[in-house]
Amino acid sequence: MISAASKLTNKTNNGLHICVGLDSDLKKIPAHLLSDKNPLLEFNKIVIENSYKDASAYKINFAFYEKFGSQGFDIISQTLELIPDDVLTIGDAKRGDIGNTSQMYAESIFDHFNFDAVTLHPYMGHDSLSPFLEYKDKLNFILALTSNSGSADFEKLRLEGGTFLYQNVIQKVSEWNQHKNCGIVFGATNSEELKMNISSFDGLPVLLPGVGVQGGSLDDVVRIFSEAKNQNYIVNISRSLIYSDSTKNFGEVLNKTLKSYNHSVQSLK
């Protein structure tokens, strides 16, 4: 069995840094799919068929499926079956709780769904994440600095020593990385902060959401990582990629769009 870290490294070593975000929304998928008996699953199937050779990972955003209850959870499981075993799968569930609750969440993500990785929030401390960290072959992307404007409310608070709260999170994640199964989430909209903090990442894999609709620049991200001689990152792109076309040929257009993103990454390295 290939570990999650190895799956990621195999892709990034081959120049693949784009994570396909499966934020699949019935209101946005091509209209001709709505007549299918399972439109979201069919949409995901076409996306995966046209991207798996060029993607570094797939990130499934739980919110877009949970709203459908048990049917949504079935779609998550069926979607995971469509993704080749050598491609990293991330359950974007942003878990983090204490005691038995966290243990149950970890078993759900890693044992029931069998995701390779998960997103977690750290603000209840180490014990709220420890059940996830015990899965040595998985990856845990822990929120450090996110791409939303509300990140200023807490993440960018300056502490007594002069550092920002998100910087302390990065330091803690490095300390928690005993099994080399931790990473961080760092919003791509924060290019100045990325440049300022990249030297502190200490080998942690980085998941960067926020490119595209949210305003993050792929070029900026790639240049910053290249200048730091750090290739241990993936950039999540959701809406700008999976909804790049609404015709019956959307799979082919998506494939060309993803290849174009990859070409941009290669040209900037």
C-alpha atoms as a PDB file:
ATOM      1  CA  MET A   1       0.000   0.000   0.000  1.00  0.00           C
ATOM      2  CA  ILE A   2       1.389   3.403  -1.027  1.00  0.00           C
ATOM      3  CA  SER A   3       1.438   5.957   1.781  1.00  0.00           C
ATOM      4  CA  ALA A   4      -0.315   9.274   1.279  1.00  0.00           C
ATOM      5  CA  ALA A   5       2.989  11.161   1.463  1.00  0.00           C
ATOM      6  CA  SER A   6       4.473   8.939  -1.258  1.00  0.00           C
ATOM      7  CA  LYS A   7       1.466   9.461  -3.531  1.00  0.00           C
ATOM      8  CA  LEU A   8       1.895  13.205  -3.193  1.00  0.00           C
ATOM      9  CA  THR A   9       5.663  13.149  -3.703  1.00  0.00           C
ATOM     10  CA  ASN A  10       5.350  10.951  -6.784  1.00  0.00           C
ATOM     11  CA  LYS A  11       3.115  13.560  -8.397  1.00  0.00           C
ATOM     12  CA  THR A  12       4.994  16.691  -7.377  1.00  0.00           C
ATOM     13  CA  ASN A  13       8.325  15.134  -8.427  1.00  0.00           C
ATOM     14  CA  ASN A  14       6.770  14.756 -11.871  1.00  0.00           C
ATOM     15  CA  GLY A  15       5.779  18.411 -11.978  1.00  0.00           C
ATOM     16  CA  LEU A  16       2.111  17.917 -11.134  1.00  0.00           C
ATOM     17  CA  HIS A  17       0.970  20.483  -8.568  1.00  0.00           C
ATOM     18  CA  ILE A  18      -2.714  21.053  -9.384  1.00  0.00           C
ATOM     19  CA  CYS A  19      -5.267  19.525  -7.025  1.00  0.00           C
ATOM     20  CA  VAL A  20      -8.720  19.201  -8.572  1.00  0.00           C
ATOM     21  CA  GLY A  21     -11.388  20.429  -6.174  1.00  0.00           C
ATOM     22  CA  LEU A  22     -14.619  18.467  -6.486  1.00  0.00           C
ATOM     23  CA  ASP A  23     -16.957  21.184  -5.192  1.00  0.00           C
ATOM     24  CA  SER A  24     -19.693  19.663  -7.305  1.00  0.00           C
ATOM     25  CA  ASP A  25     -22.878  21.755  -7.339  1.00  0.00           C
ATOM     26  CA  LEU A  26     -26.126  20.812  -9.094  1.00  0.00           C
ATOM     27  CA  LYS A  27     -26.697  24.503  -9.828  1.00  0.00           C
ATOM     28  CA  LYS A  28     -23.433  24.768 -11.769  1.00  0.00           C
ATOM     29  CA  ILE A  29     -22.869  21.463 -13.545  1.00  0.00           C
ATOM     30  CA  PRO A  30     -23.678  21.307 -17.283  1.00  0.00           C
ATOM     31  CA  ALA A  31     -27.458  21.284 -17.750  1.00  0.00           C
ATOM     32  CA  HIS A  32     -27.497  18.192 -19.968  1.00  0.00           C
ATOM     33  CA  LEU A  33     -26.349  16.079 -16.986  1.00  0.00           C
ATOM     34  CA  LEU A  34     -29.412  16.938 -14.910  1.00  0.00           C
ATOM     35  CA  SER A  35     -31.436  14.257 -16.668  1.00  0.00           C
ATOM     36  CA  ASP A  36     -29.014  11.566 -15.475  1.00  0.00           C
ATOM     37  CA  LYS A  37     -30.236   9.428 -12.567  1.00  0.00           C
ATOM     38  CA  ASN A  38     -27.225  10.586 -10.507  1.00  0.00           C
ATOM     39  CA  PRO A  39     -26.059  13.909 -12.003  1.00  0.00           C
ATOM     40  CA  LEU A  40     -23.339  14.719  -9.463  1.00  0.00           C
ATOM     41  CA  LEU A  41     -21.740  11.304  -9.718  1.00  0.00           C
ATOM     42  CA  GLU A  42     -21.824  11.433 -13.514  1.00  0.00           C
ATOM     43  CA  PHE A  43     -20.287  14.906 -13.405  1.00  0.00           C
ATOM     44  CA  ASN A  44     -17.501  13.721 -11.073  1.00  0.00           C
ATOM     45  CA  LYS A  45     -16.920  10.685 -13.305  1.00  0.00           C
ATOM     46  CA  ILE A  46     -16.369  12.858 -16.382  1.00  0.00           C
ATOM     47  CA  VAL A  47     -14.141  15.268 -14.436  1.00  0.00           C
ATOM     48  CA  ILE A  48     -11.967  12.409 -13.163  1.00  0.00           C
ATOM     49  CA  GLU A  49     -11.757  10.641 -16.530  1.00  0.00           C
ATOM     50  CA  ASN A  50     -10.448  13.851 -18.084  1.00  0.00           C
ATOM     51  CA  SER A  51      -8.038  14.890 -15.355  1.00  0.00           C
ATOM     52  CA  TYR A  52      -6.545  11.929 -13.467  1.00  0.00           C
ATOM     53  CA  LYS A  53      -3.377  11.767 -15.581  1.00  0.00           C
ATOM     54  CA  ASP A  54      -2.642  15.447 -14.997  1.00  0.00           C
ATOM     55  CA  ALA A  55      -3.843  15.982 -11.414  1.00  0.00           C
ATOM     56  CA  SER A  56      -1.712  15.861  -8.274  1.00  0.00           C
ATOM     57  CA  ALA A  57      -4.722  15.103  -6.067  1.00  0.00           C
ATOM     58  CA  TYR A  58      -8.496  15.344  -5.708  1.00  0.00           C
ATOM     59  CA  LYS A  59     -10.100  17.270  -2.866  1.00  0.00           C
ATOM     60  CA  ILE A  60     -13.710  16.350  -2.101  1.00  0.00           C
ATOM     61  CA  ASN A  61     -15.497  19.127  -0.227  1.00  0.00           C
ATOM     62  CA  PHE A  62     -17.877  17.385   2.173  1.00  0.00           C
ATOM     63  CA  ALA A  63     -20.314  20.307   2.322  1.00  0.00           C
ATOM     64  CA  PHE A  64     -21.405  19.804  -1.282  1.00  0.00           C
ATOM     65  CA  TYR A  65     -22.402  16.210  -0.526  1.00  0.00           C
ATOM     66  CA  GLU A  66     -23.553  16.265   3.102  1.00  0.00           C
ATOM     67  CA  LYS A  67     -26.481  18.484   2.142  1.00  0.00           C
ATOM     68  CA  PHE A  68     -28.015  15.429   0.427  1.00  0.00           C
ATOM     69  CA  GLY A  69     -27.782  13.260   3.536  1.00  0.00           C
ATOM     70  CA  SER A  70     -27.124   9.555   3.028  1.00  0.00           C
ATOM     71  CA  GLN A  71     -27.268   9.902  -0.757  1.00  0.00           C
ATOM     72  CA  GLY A  72     -24.474  12.471  -0.594  1.00  0.00           C
ATOM     73  CA  PHE A  73     -22.277  10.170   1.459  1.00  0.00           C
ATOM     74  CA  ASP A  74     -22.918   7.434  -1.103  1.00  0.00           C
ATOM     75  CA  ILE A  75     -21.755   9.800  -3.854  1.00  0.00           C
ATOM     76  CA  ILE A  76     -18.534  10.474  -1.930  1.00  0.00           C
ATOM     77  CA  SER A  77     -17.843   6.730  -1.669  1.00  0.00           C
ATOM     78  CA  GLN A  78     -18.706   6.110  -5.324  1.00  0.00           C
ATOM     79  CA  THR A  79     -16.540   9.033  -6.428  1.00  0.00           C
ATOM     80  CA  LEU A  80     -13.565   7.689  -4.493  1.00  0.00           C
ATOM     81  CA  GLU A  81     -13.920   4.379  -6.326  1.00  0.00           C
ATOM     82  CA  LEU A  82     -13.421   6.251  -9.613  1.00  0.00           C
ATOM     83  CA  ILE A  83     -10.075   7.787  -8.595  1.00  0.00           C
ATOM     84  CA  PRO A  84      -6.964   5.720  -9.433  1.00  0.00           C
ATOM     85  CA  ASP A  85      -5.091   4.365  -6.407  1.00  0.00           C
ATOM     86  CA  ASP A  86      -1.935   6.335  -7.186  1.00  0.00           C
ATOM     87  CA  VAL A  87      -3.679   9.728  -6.914  1.00  0.00           C
ATOM     88  CA  LEU A  88      -4.001  11.392  -3.501  1.00  0.00           C
ATOM     89  CA  THR A  89      -7.553  11.859  -2.194  1.00  0.00           C
ATOM     90  CA  ILE A  90      -8.291  14.603   0.338  1.00  0.00           C
ATOM     91  CA  GLY A  91     -11.435  14.687   2.444  1.00  0.00           C
ATOM     92  CA  ASP A  92     -12.051  18.393   2.878  1.00  0.00           C
ATOM     93  CA  ALA A  93     -14.062  18.047   6.082  1.00  0.00           C
ATOM     94  CA  LYS A  94     -12.182  20.464   8.380  1.00  0.00           C
ATOM     95  CA  ARG A  95     -12.550  18.255  11.428  1.00  0.00           C
ATOM     96  CA  GLY A  96     -11.173  18.908  14.910  1.00  0.00           C
ATOM     97  CA  ASP A  97     -12.841  18.001  18.209  1.00  0.00           C
ATOM     98  CA  ILE A  98     -11.920  16.397  21.504  1.00  0.00           C
ATOM     99  CA  GLY A  99     -11.842  12.881  22.924  1.00  0.00           C
ATOM    100  CA  ASN A 100     -14.004  10.155  21.452  1.00  0.00           C
ATOM    101  CA  THR A 101     -15.616  12.600  19.029  1.00  0.00           C
ATOM    102  CA  SER A 102     -12.332  13.193  17.225  1.00  0.00           C
ATOM    103  CA  GLN A 103     -11.623   9.466  17.244  1.00  0.00           C
ATOM    104  CA  MET A 104     -14.943   8.780  15.522  1.00  0.00           C
ATOM    105  CA  TYR A 105     -14.287  11.495  12.937  1.00  0.00           C
ATOM    106  CA  ALA A 106     -10.861   9.990  12.197  1.00  0.00           C
ATOM    107  CA  GLU A 107     -12.330   6.517  11.769  1.00  0.00           C
ATOM    108  CA  SER A 108     -14.991   7.922   9.458  1.00  0.00           C
ATOM    109  CA  ILE A 109     -12.517   9.711   7.176  1.00  0.00           C
ATOM    110  CA  PHE A 110      -9.734   7.143   7.151  1.00  0.00           C
ATOM    111  CA  ASP A 111     -11.407   3.777   7.849  1.00  0.00           C
ATOM    112  CA  HIS A 112     -14.903   4.129   6.394  1.00  0.00           C
ATOM    113  CA  PHE A 113     -14.242   6.386   3.397  1.00  0.00           C
ATOM    114  CA  ASN A 114     -10.536   5.467   3.149  1.00  0.00           C
ATOM    115  CA  PHE A 115      -9.357   8.946   2.169  1.00  0.00           C
ATOM    116  CA  ASP A 116      -5.602   9.430   1.949  1.00  0.00           C
ATOM    117  CA  ALA A 117      -5.752  12.832   3.620  1.00  0.00           C
ATOM    118  CA  VAL A 118      -8.009  15.219   5.503  1.00  0.00           C
ATOM    119  CA  THR A 119      -8.243  18.908   6.359  1.00  0.00           C
ATOM    120  CA  LEU A 120      -8.259  19.771  10.072  1.00  0.00           C
ATOM    121  CA  HIS A 121      -8.584  22.892  12.198  1.00  0.00           C
ATOM    122  CA  PRO A 122      -6.174  23.167  15.154  1.00  0.00           C
ATOM    123  CA  TYR A 123      -7.790  25.622  17.519  1.00  0.00           C
ATOM    124  CA  MET A 124      -8.823  23.072  20.156  1.00  0.00           C
ATOM    125  CA  GLY A 125      -5.222  21.916  20.462  1.00  0.00           C
ATOM    126  CA  HIS A 126      -3.172  18.780  19.971  1.00  0.00           C
ATOM    127  CA  ASP A 127      -5.571  16.355  21.654  1.00  0.00           C
ATOM    128  CA  SER A 128      -8.297  17.326  19.181  1.00  0.00           C
ATOM    129  CA  LEU A 129      -6.078  16.155  16.300  1.00  0.00           C
ATOM    130  CA  SER A 130      -4.151  13.281  17.851  1.00  0.00           C
ATOM    131  CA  PRO A 131      -6.549  10.510  16.662  1.00  0.00           C
ATOM    132  CA  PHE A 132      -5.888  11.609  13.082  1.00  0.00           C
ATOM    133  CA  LEU A 133      -2.144  11.880  13.627  1.00  0.00           C
ATOM    134  CA  GLU A 134      -2.013   8.251  14.783  1.00  0.00           C
ATOM    135  CA  TYR A 135      -2.723   7.173  11.184  1.00  0.00           C
ATOM    136  CA  LYS A 136       0.916   7.137  10.103  1.00  0.00           C
ATOM    137  CA  ASP A 137       0.310   6.424   6.407  1.00  0.00           C
ATOM    138  CA  LYS A 138      -2.221   9.245   5.984  1.00  0.00           C
ATOM    139  CA  LEU A 139      -1.763  13.016   5.594  1.00  0.00           C
ATOM    140  CA  ASN A 140      -3.313  15.729   7.737  1.00  0.00           C
ATOM    141  CA  PHE A 141      -3.520  19.210   6.226  1.00  0.00           C
ATOM    142  CA  ILE A 142      -3.947  21.556   9.191  1.00  0.00           C
ATOM    143  CA  LEU A 143      -5.358  25.054   8.692  1.00  0.00           C
ATOM    144  CA  ALA A 144      -2.682  27.705   9.174  1.00  0.00           C
ATOM    145  CA  LEU A 145      -3.653  30.751   7.116  1.00  0.00           C
ATOM    146  CA  THR A 146      -6.807  30.491   5.020  1.00  0.00           C
ATOM    147  CA  SER A 147      -7.824  32.373   1.888  1.00  0.00           C
ATOM    148  CA  ASN A 148     -10.980  34.066   3.190  1.00  0.00           C
ATOM    149  CA  SER A 149     -11.208  37.681   4.376  1.00  0.00           C
ATOM    150  CA  GLY A 150     -12.253  36.470   7.840  1.00  0.00           C
ATOM    151  CA  SER A 151      -8.762  35.065   8.372  1.00  0.00           C
ATOM    152  CA  ALA A 152      -7.963  38.490   9.830  1.00  0.00           C
ATOM    153  CA  ASP A 153     -10.351  37.889  12.730  1.00  0.00           C
ATOM    154  CA  PHE A 154      -8.199  35.262  14.449  1.00  0.00           C
ATOM    155  CA  GLU A 155      -5.460  33.808  12.239  1.00  0.00           C
ATOM    156  CA  LYS A 156      -3.700  37.162  11.791  1.00  0.00           C
ATOM    157  CA  LEU A 157      -3.923  38.253  15.412  1.00  0.00           C
ATOM    158  CA  ARG A 158      -0.535  39.417  16.698  1.00  0.00           C
ATOM    159  CA  LEU A 159       0.557  37.702  19.899  1.00  0.00           C
ATOM    160  CA  GLU A 160       2.665  38.991  22.786  1.00  0.00           C
ATOM    161  CA  GLY A 161       5.955  37.879  21.274  1.00  0.00           C
ATOM    162  CA  GLY A 162       5.192  39.761  18.067  1.00  0.00           C
ATOM    163  CA  THR A 163       4.325  36.722  15.974  1.00  0.00           C
ATOM    164  CA  PHE A 164       0.949  36.076  14.406  1.00  0.00           C
ATOM    165  CA  LEU A 165      -1.332  33.286  15.565  1.00  0.00           C
ATOM    166  CA  TYR A 166      -1.066  31.468  12.219  1.00  0.00           C
ATOM    167  CA  GLN A 167       2.728  31.454  12.570  1.00  0.00           C
ATOM    168  CA  ASN A 168       2.406  29.710  15.911  1.00  0.00           C
ATOM    169  CA  VAL A 169       0.136  27.150  14.272  1.00  0.00           C
ATOM    170  CA  ILE A 170       2.822  26.398  11.674  1.00  0.00           C
ATOM    171  CA  GLN A 171       5.389  25.948  14.428  1.00  0.00           C
ATOM    172  CA  LYS A 172       3.066  23.617  16.354  1.00  0.00           C
ATOM    173  CA  VAL A 173       2.327  21.535  13.252  1.00  0.00           C
ATOM    174  CA  SER A 174       6.064  21.039  12.762  1.00  0.00           C
ATOM    175  CA  GLU A 175       6.282  19.811  16.361  1.00  0.00           C
ATOM    176  CA  TRP A 176       3.328  17.461  15.851  1.00  0.00           C
ATOM    177  CA  ASN A 177       4.829  16.010  12.673  1.00  0.00           C
ATOM    178  CA  GLN A 178       6.437  13.048  14.432  1.00  0.00           C
ATOM    179  CA  HIS A 179       5.181  10.539  11.849  1.00  0.00           C
ATOM    180  CA  LYS A 180       5.829  12.810   8.842  1.00  0.00           C
ATOM    181  CA  ASN A 181       2.089  12.850   8.182  1.00  0.00           C
ATOM    182  CA  CYS A 182       1.323  16.526   8.753  1.00  0.00           C
ATOM    183  CA  GLY A 183       0.926  19.348   6.280  1.00  0.00           C
ATOM    184  CA  ILE A 184      -0.568  22.819   6.342  1.00  0.00           C
ATOM    185  CA  VAL A 185      -3.260  24.732   4.502  1.00  0.00           C
ATOM    186  CA  PHE A 186      -2.050  28.161   3.391  1.00  0.00           C
ATOM    187  CA  GLY A 187      -4.396  30.328   1.330  1.00  0.00           C
ATOM    188  CA  ALA A 188      -3.068  31.325  -2.074  1.00  0.00           C
ATOM    189  CA  THR A 189      -4.549  34.800  -1.645  1.00  0.00           C
ATOM    190  CA  ASN A 190      -1.845  35.531   0.955  1.00  0.00           C
ATOM    191  CA  SER A 191       1.151  35.841  -1.365  1.00  0.00           C
ATOM    192  CA  GLU A 192       3.078  38.310   0.824  1.00  0.00           C
ATOM    193  CA  GLU A 193       2.611  36.143   3.900  1.00  0.00           C
ATOM    194  CA  LEU A 194       3.586  33.075   1.872  1.00  0.00           C
ATOM    195  CA  LYS A 195       6.829  34.704   0.791  1.00  0.00           C
ATOM    196  CA  MET A 196       7.528  35.833   4.362  1.00  0.00           C
ATOM    197  CA  ASN A 197       6.864  32.438   5.977  1.00  0.00           C
ATOM    198  CA  ILE A 198       7.871  29.784   3.443  1.00  0.00           C
ATOM    199  CA  SER A 199      11.249  29.262   5.120  1.00  0.00           C
ATOM    200  CA  SER A 200       9.418  28.153   8.289  1.00  0.00           C
ATOM    201  CA  PHE A 201       7.473  25.334   6.607  1.00  0.00           C
ATOM    202  CA  ASP A 202      10.148  22.817   7.605  1.00  0.00           C
ATOM    203  CA  GLY A 203       9.399  20.256   4.916  1.00  0.00           C
ATOM    204  CA  LEU A 204       5.644  20.256   5.527  1.00  0.00           C
ATOM    205  CA  PRO A 205       3.548  19.602   2.412  1.00  0.00           C
ATOM    206  CA  VAL A 206       1.366  22.612   1.647  1.00  0.00           C
ATOM    207  CA  LEU A 207      -2.186  22.681   0.289  1.00  0.00           C
ATOM    208  CA  LEU A 208      -3.017  26.064  -1.212  1.00  0.00           C
ATOM    209  CA  PRO A 209      -6.674  26.870  -1.906  1.00  0.00           C
ATOM    210  CA  GLY A 210      -7.880  30.199  -3.250  1.00  0.00           C
ATOM    211  CA  VAL A 211      -6.571  30.331  -6.851  1.00  0.00           C
ATOM    212  CA  GLY A 212      -9.135  31.446  -9.397  1.00  0.00           C
ATOM    213  CA  VAL A 213     -12.509  32.773  -8.266  1.00  0.00           C
ATOM    214  CA  GLN A 214     -11.188  33.720  -4.809  1.00  0.00           C
ATOM    215  CA  GLY A 215      -8.452  35.854  -6.362  1.00  0.00           C
ATOM    216  CA  GLY A 216      -5.269  33.905  -5.668  1.00  0.00           C
ATOM    217  CA  SER A 217      -2.583  33.904  -8.360  1.00  0.00           C
ATOM    218  CA  LEU A 218      -1.131  30.591  -9.538  1.00  0.00           C
ATOM    219  CA  ASP A 219       1.869  32.425 -11.002  1.00  0.00           C
ATOM    220  CA  ASP A 220       2.659  34.095  -7.677  1.00  0.00           C
ATOM    221  CA  VAL A 221       2.442  30.814  -5.771  1.00  0.00           C
ATOM    222  CA  VAL A 222       4.694  28.926  -8.187  1.00  0.00           C
ATOM    223  CA  ARG A 223       7.298  31.689  -8.289  1.00  0.00           C
ATOM    224  CA  ILE A 224       7.474  31.900  -4.493  1.00  0.00           C
ATOM    225  CA  PHE A 225       7.929  28.145  -4.105  1.00  0.00           C
ATOM    226  CA  SER A 226      10.432  28.004  -6.962  1.00  0.00           C
ATOM    227  CA  GLU A 227      12.528  30.808  -5.497  1.00  0.00           C
ATOM    228  CA  ALA A 228      12.541  28.919  -2.187  1.00  0.00           C
ATOM    229  CA  LYS A 229      13.533  25.699  -4.022  1.00  0.00           C
ATOM    230  CA  ASN A 230      10.498  24.000  -2.475  1.00  0.00           C
ATOM    231  CA  GLN A 231       8.390  21.648  -4.601  1.00  0.00           C
ATOM    232  CA  ASN A 232       6.348  20.185  -1.742  1.00  0.00           C
ATOM    233  CA  TYR A 233       3.058  21.909  -2.529  1.00  0.00           C
ATOM    234  CA  ILE A 234      -0.244  21.465  -4.335  1.00  0.00           C
ATOM    235  CA  VAL A 235      -2.587  24.210  -5.493  1.00  0.00           C
ATOM    236  CA  ASN A 236      -6.285  23.442  -5.265  1.00  0.00           C
ATOM    237  CA  ILE A 237      -8.424  24.753  -8.123  1.00  0.00           C
ATOM    238  CA  SER A 238     -12.149  24.074  -8.032  1.00  0.00           C
ATOM    239  CA  ARG A 239     -14.660  26.329  -9.762  1.00  0.00           C
ATOM    240  CA  SER A 240     -12.262  27.826 -12.316  1.00  0.00           C
ATOM    241  CA  LEU A 241     -11.430  24.316 -13.498  1.00  0.00           C
ATOM    242  CA  ILE A 242     -14.444  22.047 -13.135  1.00  0.00           C
ATOM    243  CA  TYR A 243     -16.857  24.693 -14.449  1.00  0.00           C
ATOM    244  CA  SER A 244     -14.602  25.917 -17.245  1.00  0.00           C
ATOM    245  CA  ASP A 245     -17.226  24.805 -19.793  1.00  0.00           C
ATOM    246  CA  SER A 246     -20.930  23.941 -19.718  1.00  0.00           C
ATOM    247  CA  THR A 247     -21.376  22.138 -23.030  1.00  0.00           C
ATOM    248  CA  LYS A 248     -21.439  18.403 -23.714  1.00  0.00           C
ATOM    249  CA  ASN A 249     -17.713  18.708 -24.415  1.00  0.00           C
ATOM    250  CA  PHE A 250     -16.910  20.067 -20.969  1.00  0.00           C
ATOM    251  CA  GLY A 251     -14.646  17.107 -20.167  1.00  0.00           C
ATOM    252  CA  GLU A 252     -12.368  17.880 -23.100  1.00  0.00           C
ATOM    253  CA  VAL A 253     -12.301  21.579 -22.231  1.00  0.00           C
ATOM    254  CA  LEU A 254     -11.492  20.749 -18.609  1.00  0.00           C
ATOM    255  CA  ASN A 255      -8.628  18.518 -19.761  1.00  0.00           C
ATOM    256  CA  LYS A 256      -7.164  21.340 -21.871  1.00  0.00           C
ATOM    257  CA  THR A 257      -7.609  23.816 -19.029  1.00  0.00           C
ATOM    258  CA  LEU A 258      -5.786  21.553 -16.566  1.00  0.00           C
ATOM    259  CA  LYS A 259      -2.969  20.950 -19.048  1.00  0.00           C
ATOM    260  CA  SER A 260      -2.710  24.723 -19.451  1.00  0.00           C
ATOM    261  CA  TYR A 261      -2.374  25.166 -15.684  1.00  0.00           C
ATOM    262  CA  ASN A 262       0.334  22.493 -15.604  1.00  0.00           C
ATOM    263  CA  HIS A 263       2.142  24.178 -18.488  1.00  0.00           C
ATOM    264  CA  SER A 264       2.075  27.455 -16.573  1.00  0.00           C
ATOM    265  CA  VAL A 265       3.579  25.757 -13.530  1.00  0.00           C
ATOM    266  CA  GLN A 266       6.366  24.177 -15.595  1.00  0.00           C
ATOM    267  CA  SER A 267       7.206  27.415 -17.376  1.00  0.00           C
ATOM    268  CA  LEU A 268       7.597  29.288 -14.084  1.00  0.00           C
ATOM    269  CA  LYS A 269       9.847  26.745 -12.351  1.00  0.00           C
END
